[in-house]
């Protein structure tokens, strides 16, 4: 998933807005704390999520595997948003399964990209 994502970031959600529509969606601002893969230079990016099961919460930190649509980022797959709880990021992703710190996630992503 790392190599196929336009952007992989670690960041904190700063405001969300749920939108009615077909399908419903959530727009959020993400303060980028670390770019783990990709070329994004903005410190705040817009993300749009269309599956209510995976909406994000303000003031929460995530590792996000994202695709760029031309005006905003969106999640790569249903399991591409990894929330941090008390400094621990839990993942069930193939090749990254378990509990990790952000530095361990970053090291894993770096090693995957080095093999590319």
PDB file of N, CA and C in Angstrom:
ATOM      1  N   UNK A   1       0.824  -1.193   0.000  1.00  0.00           N
ATOM      2  CA  UNK A   1       0.000   0.000   0.000  1.00  0.00           C
ATOM      3  C   UNK A   1       0.869   1.259   0.000  1.00  0.00           C
ATOM      4  N   UNK A   2       2.050   1.182   0.612  1.00  0.00           N
ATOM      5  CA  UNK A   2       2.932   2.344   0.682  1.00  0.00           C
ATOM      6  C   UNK A   2       3.277   2.851  -0.713  1.00  0.00           C
ATOM      7  N   UNK A   3       3.772   1.973  -1.569  1.00  0.00           N
ATOM      8  CA  UNK A   3       4.226   2.384  -2.892  1.00  0.00           C
ATOM      9  C   UNK A   3       3.085   2.856  -3.781  1.00  0.00           C
ATOM     10  N   UNK A   4       1.866   2.404  -3.516  1.00  0.00           N
ATOM     11  CA  UNK A   4       0.713   2.774  -4.346  1.00  0.00           C
ATOM     12  C   UNK A   4      -0.024   4.006  -3.845  1.00  0.00           C
ATOM     13  N   UNK A   5       0.378   4.545  -2.713  1.00  0.00           N
ATOM     14  CA  UNK A   5      -0.271   5.735  -2.168  1.00  0.00           C
ATOM     15  C   UNK A   5       0.406   6.986  -2.714  1.00  0.00           C
ATOM     16  N   UNK A   6      -0.397   8.011  -2.983  1.00  0.00           N
ATOM     17  CA  UNK A   6       0.176   9.285  -3.412  1.00  0.00           C
ATOM     18  C   UNK A   6       0.916   9.958  -2.258  1.00  0.00           C
ATOM     19  N   UNK A   7       0.434   9.715  -1.038  1.00  0.00           N
ATOM     20  CA  UNK A   7       0.995  10.374   0.133  1.00  0.00           C
ATOM     21  C   UNK A   7       0.742   9.506   1.358  1.00  0.00           C
ATOM     22  N   UNK A   8       1.760   9.387   2.202  1.00  0.00           N
ATOM     23  CA  UNK A   8       1.600   8.751   3.511  1.00  0.00           C
ATOM     24  C   UNK A   8       2.080   9.770   4.531  1.00  0.00           C
ATOM     25  N   UNK A   9       1.198  10.135   5.451  1.00  0.00           N
ATOM     26  CA  UNK A   9       1.534  11.169   6.430  1.00  0.00           C
ATOM     27  C   UNK A   9       1.139  10.743   7.831  1.00  0.00           C
ATOM     28  N   UNK A  10       1.786  11.387   8.784  1.00  0.00           N
ATOM     29  CA  UNK A  10       1.406  11.317  10.185  1.00  0.00           C
ATOM     30  C   UNK A  10       0.937  12.717  10.520  1.00  0.00           C
ATOM     31  N   UNK A  11      -0.285  12.832  11.032  1.00  0.00           N
ATOM     32  CA  UNK A  11      -0.800  14.165  11.305  1.00  0.00           C
ATOM     33  C   UNK A  11      -1.925  14.165  12.313  1.00  0.00           C
ATOM     34  N   UNK A  12      -2.354  15.386  12.639  1.00  0.00           N
ATOM     35  CA  UNK A  12      -3.424  15.592  13.616  1.00  0.00           C
ATOM     36  C   UNK A  12      -4.598  16.307  12.949  1.00  0.00           C
ATOM     37  N   UNK A  13      -5.785  15.769  13.159  1.00  0.00           N
ATOM     38  CA  UNK A  13      -6.994  16.365  12.594  1.00  0.00           C
ATOM     39  C   UNK A  13      -7.318  17.654  13.334  1.00  0.00           C
ATOM     40  N   UNK A  14      -7.546  18.706  12.557  1.00  0.00           N
ATOM     41  CA  UNK A  14      -7.865  20.013  13.112  1.00  0.00           C
ATOM     42  C   UNK A  14      -9.164  20.492  12.474  1.00  0.00           C
ATOM     43  N   UNK A  15     -10.272  19.958  12.950  1.00  0.00           N
ATOM     44  CA  UNK A  15     -11.572  20.370  12.441  1.00  0.00           C
ATOM     45  C   UNK A  15     -12.124  19.442  11.394  1.00  0.00           C
ATOM     46  N   UNK A  16     -13.390  19.089  11.566  1.00  0.00           N
ATOM     47  CA  UNK A  16     -14.078  18.233  10.604  1.00  0.00           C
ATOM     48  C   UNK A  16     -15.449  18.830  10.309  1.00  0.00           C
ATOM     49  N   UNK A  17     -15.983  18.461   9.160  1.00  0.00           N
ATOM     50  CA  UNK A  17     -17.319  18.911   8.766  1.00  0.00           C
ATOM     51  C   UNK A  17     -17.991  17.761   8.031  1.00  0.00           C
ATOM     52  N   UNK A  18     -19.104  17.278   8.592  1.00  0.00           N
ATOM     53  CA  UNK A  18     -19.858  16.215   7.933  1.00  0.00           C
ATOM     54  C   UNK A  18     -20.820  16.837   6.932  1.00  0.00           C
ATOM     55  N   UNK A  19     -20.845  16.290   5.724  1.00  0.00           N
ATOM     56  CA  UNK A  19     -21.665  16.828   4.645  1.00  0.00           C
ATOM     57  C   UNK A  19     -22.726  15.826   4.233  1.00  0.00           C
ATOM     58  N   UNK A  20     -23.951  16.294   4.106  1.00  0.00           N
ATOM     59  CA  UNK A  20     -25.006  15.445   3.571  1.00  0.00           C
ATOM     60  C   UNK A  20     -24.804  15.338   2.071  1.00  0.00           C
ATOM     61  N   UNK A  21     -25.272  14.289   1.506  1.00  0.00           N
ATOM     62  CA  UNK A  21     -25.141  14.095   0.070  1.00  0.00           C
ATOM     63  C   UNK A  21     -25.226  12.622  -0.247  1.00  0.00           C
ATOM     64  N   UNK A  22     -25.030  12.305  -1.488  1.00  0.00           N
ATOM     65  CA  UNK A  22     -25.073  10.918  -1.921  1.00  0.00           C
ATOM     66  C   UNK A  22     -23.785  10.602  -2.662  1.00  0.00           C
ATOM     67  N   UNK A  23     -22.794  10.016  -2.041  1.00  0.00           N
ATOM     68  CA  UNK A  23     -22.799   9.532  -0.660  1.00  0.00           C
ATOM     69  C   UNK A  23     -22.478  10.658   0.322  1.00  0.00           C
ATOM     70  N   UNK A  24     -22.806  10.458   1.598  1.00  0.00           N
ATOM     71  CA  UNK A  24     -22.396  11.453   2.595  1.00  0.00           C
ATOM     72  C   UNK A  24     -20.870  11.465   2.694  1.00  0.00           C
ATOM     73  N   UNK A  25     -20.331  12.548   3.186  1.00  0.00           N
ATOM     74  CA  UNK A  25     -18.875  12.634   3.285  1.00  0.00           C
ATOM     75  C   UNK A  25     -18.476  13.485   4.481  1.00  0.00           C
ATOM     76  N   UNK A  26     -17.194  13.447   4.786  1.00  0.00           N
ATOM     77  CA  UNK A  26     -16.619  14.261   5.842  1.00  0.00           C
ATOM     78  C   UNK A  26     -15.392  14.959   5.276  1.00  0.00           C
ATOM     79  N   UNK A  27     -15.351  16.268   5.444  1.00  0.00           N
ATOM     80  CA  UNK A  27     -14.167  17.034   5.053  1.00  0.00           C
ATOM     81  C   UNK A  27     -13.426  17.425   6.317  1.00  0.00           C
ATOM     82  N   UNK A  28     -12.112  17.280   6.279  1.00  0.00           N
ATOM     83  CA  UNK A  28     -11.291  17.569   7.457  1.00  0.00           C
ATOM     84  C   UNK A  28     -10.006  18.260   7.048  1.00  0.00           C
ATOM     85  N   UNK A  29      -9.455  19.014   7.985  1.00  0.00           N
ATOM     86  CA  UNK A  29      -8.125  19.581   7.815  1.00  0.00           C
ATOM     87  C   UNK A  29      -7.158  18.738   8.628  1.00  0.00           C
ATOM     88  N   UNK A  30      -6.043  18.387   8.024  1.00  0.00           N
ATOM     89  CA  UNK A  30      -5.026  17.587   8.691  1.00  0.00           C
ATOM     90  C   UNK A  30      -3.749  18.402   8.802  1.00  0.00           C
ATOM     91  N   UNK A  31      -3.308  18.631  10.036  1.00  0.00           N
ATOM     92  CA  UNK A  31      -2.013  19.256  10.259  1.00  0.00           C
ATOM     93  C   UNK A  31      -0.952  18.178  10.074  1.00  0.00           C
ATOM     94  N   UNK A  32      -0.120  18.337   9.075  1.00  0.00           N
ATOM     95  CA  UNK A  32       0.904  17.340   8.752  1.00  0.00           C
ATOM     96  C   UNK A  32       2.060  17.487   9.735  1.00  0.00           C
ATOM     97  N   UNK A  33       2.299  16.436  10.512  1.00  0.00           N
ATOM     98  CA  UNK A  33       3.408  16.424  11.459  1.00  0.00           C
ATOM     99  C   UNK A  33       4.656  15.793  10.837  1.00  0.00           C
ATOM    100  N   UNK A  34       4.456  14.769   9.990  1.00  0.00           N
ATOM    101  CA  UNK A  34       5.562  14.124   9.271  1.00  0.00           C
ATOM    102  C   UNK A  34       5.044  13.596   7.947  1.00  0.00           C
ATOM    103  N   UNK A  35       5.797  13.836   6.881  1.00  0.00           N
ATOM    104  CA  UNK A  35       5.533  13.188   5.601  1.00  0.00           C
ATOM    105  C   UNK A  35       6.365  11.910   5.600  1.00  0.00           C
ATOM    106  N   UNK A  36       5.689  10.762   5.547  1.00  0.00           N
ATOM    107  CA  UNK A  36       6.373   9.471   5.592  1.00  0.00           C
ATOM    108  C   UNK A  36       6.713   8.970   4.192  1.00  0.00           C
ATOM    109  N   UNK A  37       5.932   9.395   3.212  1.00  0.00           N
ATOM    110  CA  UNK A  37       6.191   9.045   1.807  1.00  0.00           C
ATOM    111  C   UNK A  37       5.419  10.028   0.949  1.00  0.00           C
ATOM    112  N   UNK A  38       6.066  10.598  -0.047  1.00  0.00           N
ATOM    113  CA  UNK A  38       5.411  11.553  -0.934  1.00  0.00           C
ATOM    114  C   UNK A  38       6.103  12.898  -0.897  1.00  0.00           C
ATOM    115  N   UNK A  39       5.533  13.839  -1.632  1.00  0.00           N
ATOM    116  CA  UNK A  39       6.181  15.140  -1.825  1.00  0.00           C
ATOM    117  C   UNK A  39       5.386  16.317  -1.298  1.00  0.00           C
ATOM    118  N   UNK A  40       4.424  16.114  -0.452  1.00  0.00           N
ATOM    119  CA  UNK A  40       3.593  17.220   0.041  1.00  0.00           C
ATOM    120  C   UNK A  40       4.430  18.163   0.908  1.00  0.00           C
ATOM    121  N   UNK A  41       4.337  19.473   0.615  1.00  0.00           N
ATOM    122  CA  UNK A  41       5.076  20.470   1.398  1.00  0.00           C
ATOM    123  C   UNK A  41       4.163  21.325   2.264  1.00  0.00           C
ATOM    124  N   UNK A  42       2.853  21.282   2.020  1.00  0.00           N
ATOM    125  CA  UNK A  42       1.919  22.054   2.838  1.00  0.00           C
ATOM    126  C   UNK A  42       1.844  21.471   4.236  1.00  0.00           C
ATOM    127  N   UNK A  43       1.742  22.334   5.214  1.00  0.00           N
ATOM    128  CA  UNK A  43       1.641  21.891   6.612  1.00  0.00           C
ATOM    129  C   UNK A  43       0.216  21.504   6.988  1.00  0.00           C
ATOM    130  N   UNK A  44      -0.768  21.941   6.192  1.00  0.00           N
ATOM    131  CA  UNK A  44      -2.162  21.560   6.395  1.00  0.00           C
ATOM    132  C   UNK A  44      -2.716  21.114   5.049  1.00  0.00           C
ATOM    133  N   UNK A  45      -3.369  19.947   5.048  1.00  0.00           N
ATOM    134  CA  UNK A  45      -3.982  19.449   3.819  1.00  0.00           C
ATOM    135  C   UNK A  45      -5.446  19.147   4.078  1.00  0.00           C
ATOM    136  N   UNK A  46      -6.238  19.162   3.011  1.00  0.00           N
ATOM    137  CA  UNK A  46      -7.660  18.818   3.103  1.00  0.00           C
ATOM    138  C   UNK A  46      -7.834  17.352   2.744  1.00  0.00           C
ATOM    139  N   UNK A  47      -8.641  16.668   3.553  1.00  0.00           N
ATOM    140  CA  UNK A  47      -8.985  15.288   3.229  1.00  0.00           C
ATOM    141  C   UNK A  47     -10.500  15.165   3.189  1.00  0.00           C
ATOM    142  N   UNK A  48     -10.974  14.257   2.359  1.00  0.00           N
ATOM    143  CA  UNK A  48     -12.402  14.002   2.234  1.00  0.00           C
ATOM    144  C   UNK A  48     -12.615  12.499   2.313  1.00  0.00           C
ATOM    145  N   UNK A  49     -13.445  12.087   3.249  1.00  0.00           N
ATOM    146  CA  UNK A  49     -13.748  10.674   3.463  1.00  0.00           C
ATOM    147  C   UNK A  49     -15.204  10.428   3.134  1.00  0.00           C
ATOM    148  N   UNK A  50     -15.500   9.317   2.454  1.00  0.00           N
ATOM    149  CA  UNK A  50     -16.874   9.056   2.014  1.00  0.00           C
ATOM    150  C   UNK A  50     -17.510   7.853   2.699  1.00  0.00           C
ATOM    151  N   UNK A  51     -16.815   7.223   3.612  1.00  0.00           N
ATOM    152  CA  UNK A  51     -17.385   6.086   4.335  1.00  0.00           C
ATOM    153  C   UNK A  51     -17.537   6.469   5.801  1.00  0.00           C
ATOM    154  N   UNK A  52     -18.787   6.660   6.271  1.00  0.00           N
ATOM    155  CA  UNK A  52     -19.002   7.077   7.661  1.00  0.00           C
ATOM    156  C   UNK A  52     -18.356   6.154   8.693  1.00  0.00           C
ATOM    157  N   UNK A  53     -18.105   4.905   8.339  1.00  0.00           N
ATOM    158  CA  UNK A  53     -17.457   3.970   9.271  1.00  0.00           C
ATOM    159  C   UNK A  53     -16.017   4.385   9.578  1.00  0.00           C
ATOM    160  N   UNK A  54     -15.436   5.219   8.709  1.00  0.00           N
ATOM    161  CA  UNK A  54     -14.032   5.589   8.860  1.00  0.00           C
ATOM    162  C   UNK A  54     -13.830   7.094   9.001  1.00  0.00           C
ATOM    163  N   UNK A  55     -14.862   7.812   9.437  1.00  0.00           N
ATOM    164  CA  UNK A  55     -14.688   9.236   9.694  1.00  0.00           C
ATOM    165  C   UNK A  55     -13.666   9.434  10.815  1.00  0.00           C
ATOM    166  N   UNK A  56     -12.986  10.568  10.786  1.00  0.00           N
ATOM    167  CA  UNK A  56     -11.944  10.878  11.766  1.00  0.00           C
ATOM    168  C   UNK A  56     -12.471  11.842  12.820  1.00  0.00           C
ATOM    169  N   UNK A  57     -11.720  11.969  13.897  1.00  0.00           N
ATOM    170  CA  UNK A  57     -12.108  12.840  15.014  1.00  0.00           C
ATOM    171  C   UNK A  57     -11.103  13.969  15.174  1.00  0.00           C
ATOM    172  N   UNK A  58     -11.623  15.164  15.469  1.00  0.00           N
ATOM    173  CA  UNK A  58     -10.751  16.314  15.717  1.00  0.00           C
ATOM    174  C   UNK A  58      -9.817  16.016  16.879  1.00  0.00           C
ATOM    175  N   UNK A  59      -8.611  16.572  16.780  1.00  0.00           N
ATOM    176  CA  UNK A  59      -7.571  16.453  17.799  1.00  0.00           C
ATOM    177  C   UNK A  59      -7.007  15.043  17.939  1.00  0.00           C
ATOM    178  N   UNK A  60      -7.336  14.149  17.022  1.00  0.00           N
ATOM    179  CA  UNK A  60      -6.768  12.802  17.017  1.00  0.00           C
ATOM    180  C   UNK A  60      -5.639  12.745  15.994  1.00  0.00           C
ATOM    181  N   UNK A  61      -4.656  11.884  16.278  1.00  0.00           N
ATOM    182  CA  UNK A  61      -3.512  11.722  15.379  1.00  0.00           C
ATOM    183  C   UNK A  61      -3.636  10.407  14.628  1.00  0.00           C
ATOM    184  N   UNK A  62      -3.222  10.443  13.363  1.00  0.00           N
ATOM    185  CA  UNK A  62      -3.345   9.293  12.471  1.00  0.00           C
ATOM    186  C   UNK A  62      -2.113   9.159  11.592  1.00  0.00           C
ATOM    187  N   UNK A  63      -1.837   7.935  11.170  1.00  0.00           N
ATOM    188  CA  UNK A  63      -1.015   7.682   9.992  1.00  0.00           C
ATOM    189  C   UNK A  63      -2.021   7.418   8.889  1.00  0.00           C
ATOM    190  N   UNK A  64      -1.895   8.141   7.779  1.00  0.00           N
ATOM    191  CA  UNK A  64      -2.864   8.037   6.688  1.00  0.00           C
ATOM    192  C   UNK A  64      -2.171   7.710   5.376  1.00  0.00           C
ATOM    193  N   UNK A  65      -2.704   6.710   4.697  1.00  0.00           N
ATOM    194  CA  UNK A  65      -2.283   6.346   3.345  1.00  0.00           C
ATOM    195  C   UNK A  65      -3.332   6.964   2.417  1.00  0.00           C
ATOM    196  N   UNK A  66      -2.909   7.945   1.608  1.00  0.00           N
ATOM    197  CA  UNK A  66      -3.865   8.776   0.879  1.00  0.00           C
ATOM    198  C   UNK A  66      -3.628   8.775  -0.626  1.00  0.00           C
ATOM    199  N   UNK A  67      -4.714   9.041  -1.353  1.00  0.00           N
ATOM    200  CA  UNK A  67      -4.676   9.306  -2.793  1.00  0.00           C
ATOM    201  C   UNK A  67      -5.106  10.749  -3.016  1.00  0.00           C
ATOM    202  N   UNK A  68      -4.545  11.379  -4.038  1.00  0.00           N
ATOM    203  CA  UNK A  68      -4.899  12.756  -4.372  1.00  0.00           C
ATOM    204  C   UNK A  68      -5.859  12.768  -5.554  1.00  0.00           C
ATOM    205  N   UNK A  69      -6.961  13.501  -5.409  1.00  0.00           N
ATOM    206  CA  UNK A  69      -7.987  13.535  -6.455  1.00  0.00           C
ATOM    207  C   UNK A  69      -7.897  14.767  -7.336  1.00  0.00           C
ATOM    208  N   UNK A  70      -7.024  15.695  -7.013  1.00  0.00           N
ATOM    209  CA  UNK A  70      -6.912  16.934  -7.773  1.00  0.00           C
ATOM    210  C   UNK A  70      -7.248  18.153  -6.931  1.00  0.00           C
ATOM    211  N   UNK A  71      -8.117  17.990  -5.930  1.00  0.00           N
ATOM    212  CA  UNK A  71      -8.433  19.110  -5.052  1.00  0.00           C
ATOM    213  C   UNK A  71      -8.370  18.734  -3.571  1.00  0.00           C
ATOM    214  N   UNK A  72      -8.317  17.456  -3.271  1.00  0.00           N
ATOM    215  CA  UNK A  72      -8.210  16.999  -1.885  1.00  0.00           C
ATOM    216  C   UNK A  72      -7.654  15.584  -1.864  1.00  0.00           C
ATOM    217  N   UNK A  73      -7.271  15.147  -0.682  1.00  0.00           N
ATOM    218  CA  UNK A  73      -6.807  13.775  -0.483  1.00  0.00           C
ATOM    219  C   UNK A  73      -7.949  12.929   0.060  1.00  0.00           C
ATOM    220  N   UNK A  74      -7.902  11.638  -0.226  1.00  0.00           N
ATOM    221  CA  UNK A  74      -8.890  10.698   0.298  1.00  0.00           C
ATOM    222  C   UNK A  74      -8.175   9.402   0.686  1.00  0.00           C
ATOM    223  N   UNK A  75      -8.816   8.620   1.534  1.00  0.00           N
ATOM    224  CA  UNK A  75      -8.176   7.396   2.012  1.00  0.00           C
ATOM    225  C   UNK A  75      -7.950   6.408   0.882  1.00  0.00           C
ATOM    226  N   UNK A  76      -6.846   5.685   0.962  1.00  0.00           N
ATOM    227  CA  UNK A  76      -6.470   4.711  -0.068  1.00  0.00           C
ATOM    228  C   UNK A  76      -7.436   3.527  -0.076  1.00  0.00           C
ATOM    229  N   UNK A  77      -7.660   2.933   1.087  1.00  0.00           N
ATOM    230  CA  UNK A  77      -8.581   1.806   1.239  1.00  0.00           C
ATOM    231  C   UNK A  77      -9.283   1.929   2.584  1.00  0.00           C
ATOM    232  N   UNK A  78     -10.149   0.993   2.871  1.00  0.00           N
ATOM    233  CA  UNK A  78     -10.909   1.047   4.123  1.00  0.00           C
ATOM    234  C   UNK A  78     -10.015   0.975   5.357  1.00  0.00           C
ATOM    235  N   UNK A  79      -8.847   0.363   5.256  1.00  0.00           N
ATOM    236  CA  UNK A  79      -7.985   0.219   6.433  1.00  0.00           C
ATOM    237  C   UNK A  79      -6.731   1.096   6.364  1.00  0.00           C
ATOM    238  N   UNK A  80      -6.799   2.184   5.623  1.00  0.00           N
ATOM    239  CA  UNK A  80      -5.611   3.009   5.418  1.00  0.00           C
ATOM    240  C   UNK A  80      -5.518   4.212   6.352  1.00  0.00           C
ATOM    241  N   UNK A  81      -6.333   4.250   7.385  1.00  0.00           N
ATOM    242  CA  UNK A  81      -6.260   5.296   8.404  1.00  0.00           C
ATOM    243  C   UNK A  81      -5.948   4.617   9.728  1.00  0.00           C
ATOM    244  N   UNK A  82      -4.761   4.844  10.243  1.00  0.00           N
ATOM    245  CA  UNK A  82      -4.317   4.204  11.478  1.00  0.00           C
ATOM    246  C   UNK A  82      -4.273   5.239  12.586  1.00  0.00           C
ATOM    247  N   UNK A  83      -5.116   5.091  13.599  1.00  0.00           N
ATOM    248  CA  UNK A  83      -5.184   6.064  14.684  1.00  0.00           C
ATOM    249  C   UNK A  83      -4.107   5.782  15.723  1.00  0.00           C
ATOM    250  N   UNK A  84      -3.586   6.849  16.299  1.00  0.00           N
ATOM    251  CA  UNK A  84      -2.613   6.743  17.383  1.00  0.00           C
ATOM    252  C   UNK A  84      -3.346   6.878  18.708  1.00  0.00           C
ATOM    253  N   UNK A  85      -3.092   5.961  19.619  1.00  0.00           N
ATOM    254  CA  UNK A  85      -3.647   6.018  20.976  1.00  0.00           C
ATOM    255  C   UNK A  85      -2.501   5.924  21.965  1.00  0.00           C
ATOM    256  N   UNK A  86      -2.309   6.995  22.749  1.00  0.00           N
ATOM    257  CA  UNK A  86      -1.253   7.026  23.765  1.00  0.00           C
ATOM    258  C   UNK A  86       0.121   6.677  23.189  1.00  0.00           C
ATOM    259  N   UNK A  87       0.417   7.216  22.013  1.00  0.00           N
ATOM    260  CA  UNK A  87       1.719   7.014  21.394  1.00  0.00           C
ATOM    261  C   UNK A  87       1.873   5.704  20.643  1.00  0.00           C
ATOM    262  N   UNK A  88       0.802   4.898  20.582  1.00  0.00           N
ATOM    263  CA  UNK A  88       0.854   3.599  19.923  1.00  0.00           C
ATOM    264  C   UNK A  88      -0.058   3.602  18.700  1.00  0.00           C
ATOM    265  N   UNK A  89       0.482   3.150  17.575  1.00  0.00           N
ATOM    266  CA  UNK A  89      -0.282   3.033  16.333  1.00  0.00           C
ATOM    267  C   UNK A  89      -0.493   1.548  16.078  1.00  0.00           C
ATOM    268  N   UNK A  90      -1.753   1.131  16.101  1.00  0.00           N
ATOM    269  CA  UNK A  90      -2.089  -0.270  15.852  1.00  0.00           C
ATOM    270  C   UNK A  90      -2.442  -0.446  14.384  1.00  0.00           C
ATOM    271  N   UNK A  91      -1.915  -1.503  13.786  1.00  0.00           N
ATOM    272  CA  UNK A  91      -2.120  -1.739  12.359  1.00  0.00           C
ATOM    273  C   UNK A  91      -2.392  -3.213  12.107  1.00  0.00           C
ATOM    274  N   UNK A  92      -3.263  -3.458  11.158  1.00  0.00           N
ATOM    275  CA  UNK A  92      -3.512  -4.811  10.666  1.00  0.00           C
ATOM    276  C   UNK A  92      -3.124  -4.930   9.197  1.00  0.00           C
ATOM    277  N   UNK A  93      -2.379  -3.957   8.712  1.00  0.00           N
ATOM    278  CA  UNK A  93      -1.959  -3.974   7.318  1.00  0.00           C
ATOM    279  C   UNK A  93      -0.976  -5.117   7.073  1.00  0.00           C
ATOM    280  N   UNK A  94      -1.082  -5.727   5.919  1.00  0.00           N
ATOM    281  CA  UNK A  94      -0.142  -6.779   5.554  1.00  0.00           C
ATOM    282  C   UNK A  94       1.265  -6.193   5.525  1.00  0.00           C
ATOM    283  N   UNK A  95       2.183  -6.833   6.225  1.00  0.00           N
ATOM    284  CA  UNK A  95       3.554  -6.348   6.296  1.00  0.00           C
ATOM    285  C   UNK A  95       3.781  -5.323   7.385  1.00  0.00           C
ATOM    286  N   UNK A  96       2.717  -4.852   8.012  1.00  0.00           N
ATOM    287  CA  UNK A  96       2.816  -3.884   9.107  1.00  0.00           C
ATOM    288  C   UNK A  96       1.703  -4.209  10.096  1.00  0.00           C
ATOM    289  N   UNK A  97       1.820  -5.359  10.708  1.00  0.00           N
ATOM    290  CA  UNK A  97       0.770  -5.826  11.606  1.00  0.00           C
ATOM    291  C   UNK A  97       1.299  -5.837  13.027  1.00  0.00           C
ATOM    292  N   UNK A  98       0.613  -5.099  13.909  1.00  0.00           N
ATOM    293  CA  UNK A  98       1.021  -5.038  15.310  1.00  0.00           C
ATOM    294  C   UNK A  98       0.868  -3.640  15.851  1.00  0.00           C
ATOM    295  N   UNK A  99       1.547  -3.383  16.953  1.00  0.00           N
ATOM    296  CA  UNK A  99       1.540  -2.069  17.608  1.00  0.00           C
ATOM    297  C   UNK A  99       2.911  -1.425  17.429  1.00  0.00           C
ATOM    298  N   UNK A 100       2.915  -0.139  17.034  1.00  0.00           N
ATOM    299  CA  UNK A 100       4.154   0.535  16.679  1.00  0.00           C
ATOM    300  C   UNK A 100       4.160   1.970  17.194  1.00  0.00           C
ATOM    301  N   UNK A 101       5.356   2.528  17.353  1.00  0.00           N
ATOM    302  CA  UNK A 101       5.509   3.966  17.542  1.00  0.00           C
ATOM    303  C   UNK A 101       5.557   4.601  16.158  1.00  0.00           C
ATOM    304  N   UNK A 102       5.442   5.908  16.089  1.00  0.00           N
ATOM    305  CA  UNK A 102       5.514   6.575  14.788  1.00  0.00           C
ATOM    306  C   UNK A 102       6.901   6.377  14.169  1.00  0.00           C
ATOM    307  N   UNK A 103       7.957   6.346  14.981  1.00  0.00           N
ATOM    308  CA  UNK A 103       9.296   6.131  14.434  1.00  0.00           C
ATOM    309  C   UNK A 103       9.428   4.740  13.817  1.00  0.00           C
ATOM    310  N   UNK A 104       8.821   3.730  14.436  1.00  0.00           N
ATOM    311  CA  UNK A 104       8.854   2.380  13.873  1.00  0.00           C
ATOM    312  C   UNK A 104       8.080   2.310  12.552  1.00  0.00           C
ATOM    313  N   UNK A 105       6.933   2.998  12.482  1.00  0.00           N
ATOM    314  CA  UNK A 105       6.171   3.050  11.231  1.00  0.00           C
ATOM    315  C   UNK A 105       6.999   3.739  10.156  1.00  0.00           C
ATOM    316  N   UNK A 106       7.641   4.852  10.512  1.00  0.00           N
ATOM    317  CA  UNK A 106       8.459   5.582   9.550  1.00  0.00           C
ATOM    318  C   UNK A 106       9.623   4.717   9.055  1.00  0.00           C
ATOM    319  N   UNK A 107      10.270   3.985   9.934  1.00  0.00           N
ATOM    320  CA  UNK A 107      11.370   3.103   9.528  1.00  0.00           C
ATOM    321  C   UNK A 107      10.880   2.014   8.586  1.00  0.00           C
ATOM    322  N   UNK A 108       9.701   1.454   8.862  1.00  0.00           N
ATOM    323  CA  UNK A 108       9.143   0.424   7.992  1.00  0.00           C
ATOM    324  C   UNK A 108       8.866   0.984   6.602  1.00  0.00           C
ATOM    325  N   UNK A 109       8.251   2.144   6.539  1.00  0.00           N
ATOM    326  CA  UNK A 109       7.936   2.761   5.248  1.00  0.00           C
ATOM    327  C   UNK A 109       9.221   3.078   4.485  1.00  0.00           C
ATOM    328  N   UNK A 110      10.242   3.571   5.180  1.00  0.00           N
ATOM    329  CA  UNK A 110      11.530   3.860   4.533  1.00  0.00           C
ATOM    330  C   UNK A 110      12.142   2.596   3.948  1.00  0.00           C
ATOM    331  N   UNK A 111      12.054   1.495   4.676  1.00  0.00           N
ATOM    332  CA  UNK A 111      12.646   0.246   4.167  1.00  0.00           C
ATOM    333  C   UNK A 111      11.858  -0.289   2.959  1.00  0.00           C
ATOM    334  N   UNK A 112      10.546  -0.132   2.977  1.00  0.00           N
ATOM    335  CA  UNK A 112       9.729  -0.551   1.832  1.00  0.00           C
ATOM    336  C   UNK A 112      10.093   0.283   0.603  1.00  0.00           C
ATOM    337  N   UNK A 113      10.228   1.574   0.772  1.00  0.00           N
ATOM    338  CA  UNK A 113      10.538   2.451  -0.363  1.00  0.00           C
ATOM    339  C   UNK A 113      11.958   2.212  -0.881  1.00  0.00           C
ATOM    340  N   UNK A 114      12.889   1.827  -0.003  1.00  0.00           N
ATOM    341  CA  UNK A 114      14.259   1.554  -0.432  1.00  0.00           C
ATOM    342  C   UNK A 114      14.333   0.315  -1.320  1.00  0.00           C
ATOM    343  N   UNK A 115      13.413  -0.615  -1.119  1.00  0.00           N
ATOM    344  CA  UNK A 115      13.377  -1.853  -1.923  1.00  0.00           C
ATOM    345  C   UNK A 115      12.715  -1.648  -3.269  1.00  0.00           C
ATOM    346  N   UNK A 116      12.023  -0.531  -3.423  1.00  0.00           N
ATOM    347  CA  UNK A 116      11.251  -0.253  -4.636  1.00  0.00           C
ATOM    348  C   UNK A 116      12.135  -0.043  -5.834  1.00  0.00           C
TER     349      UNK A 116
END
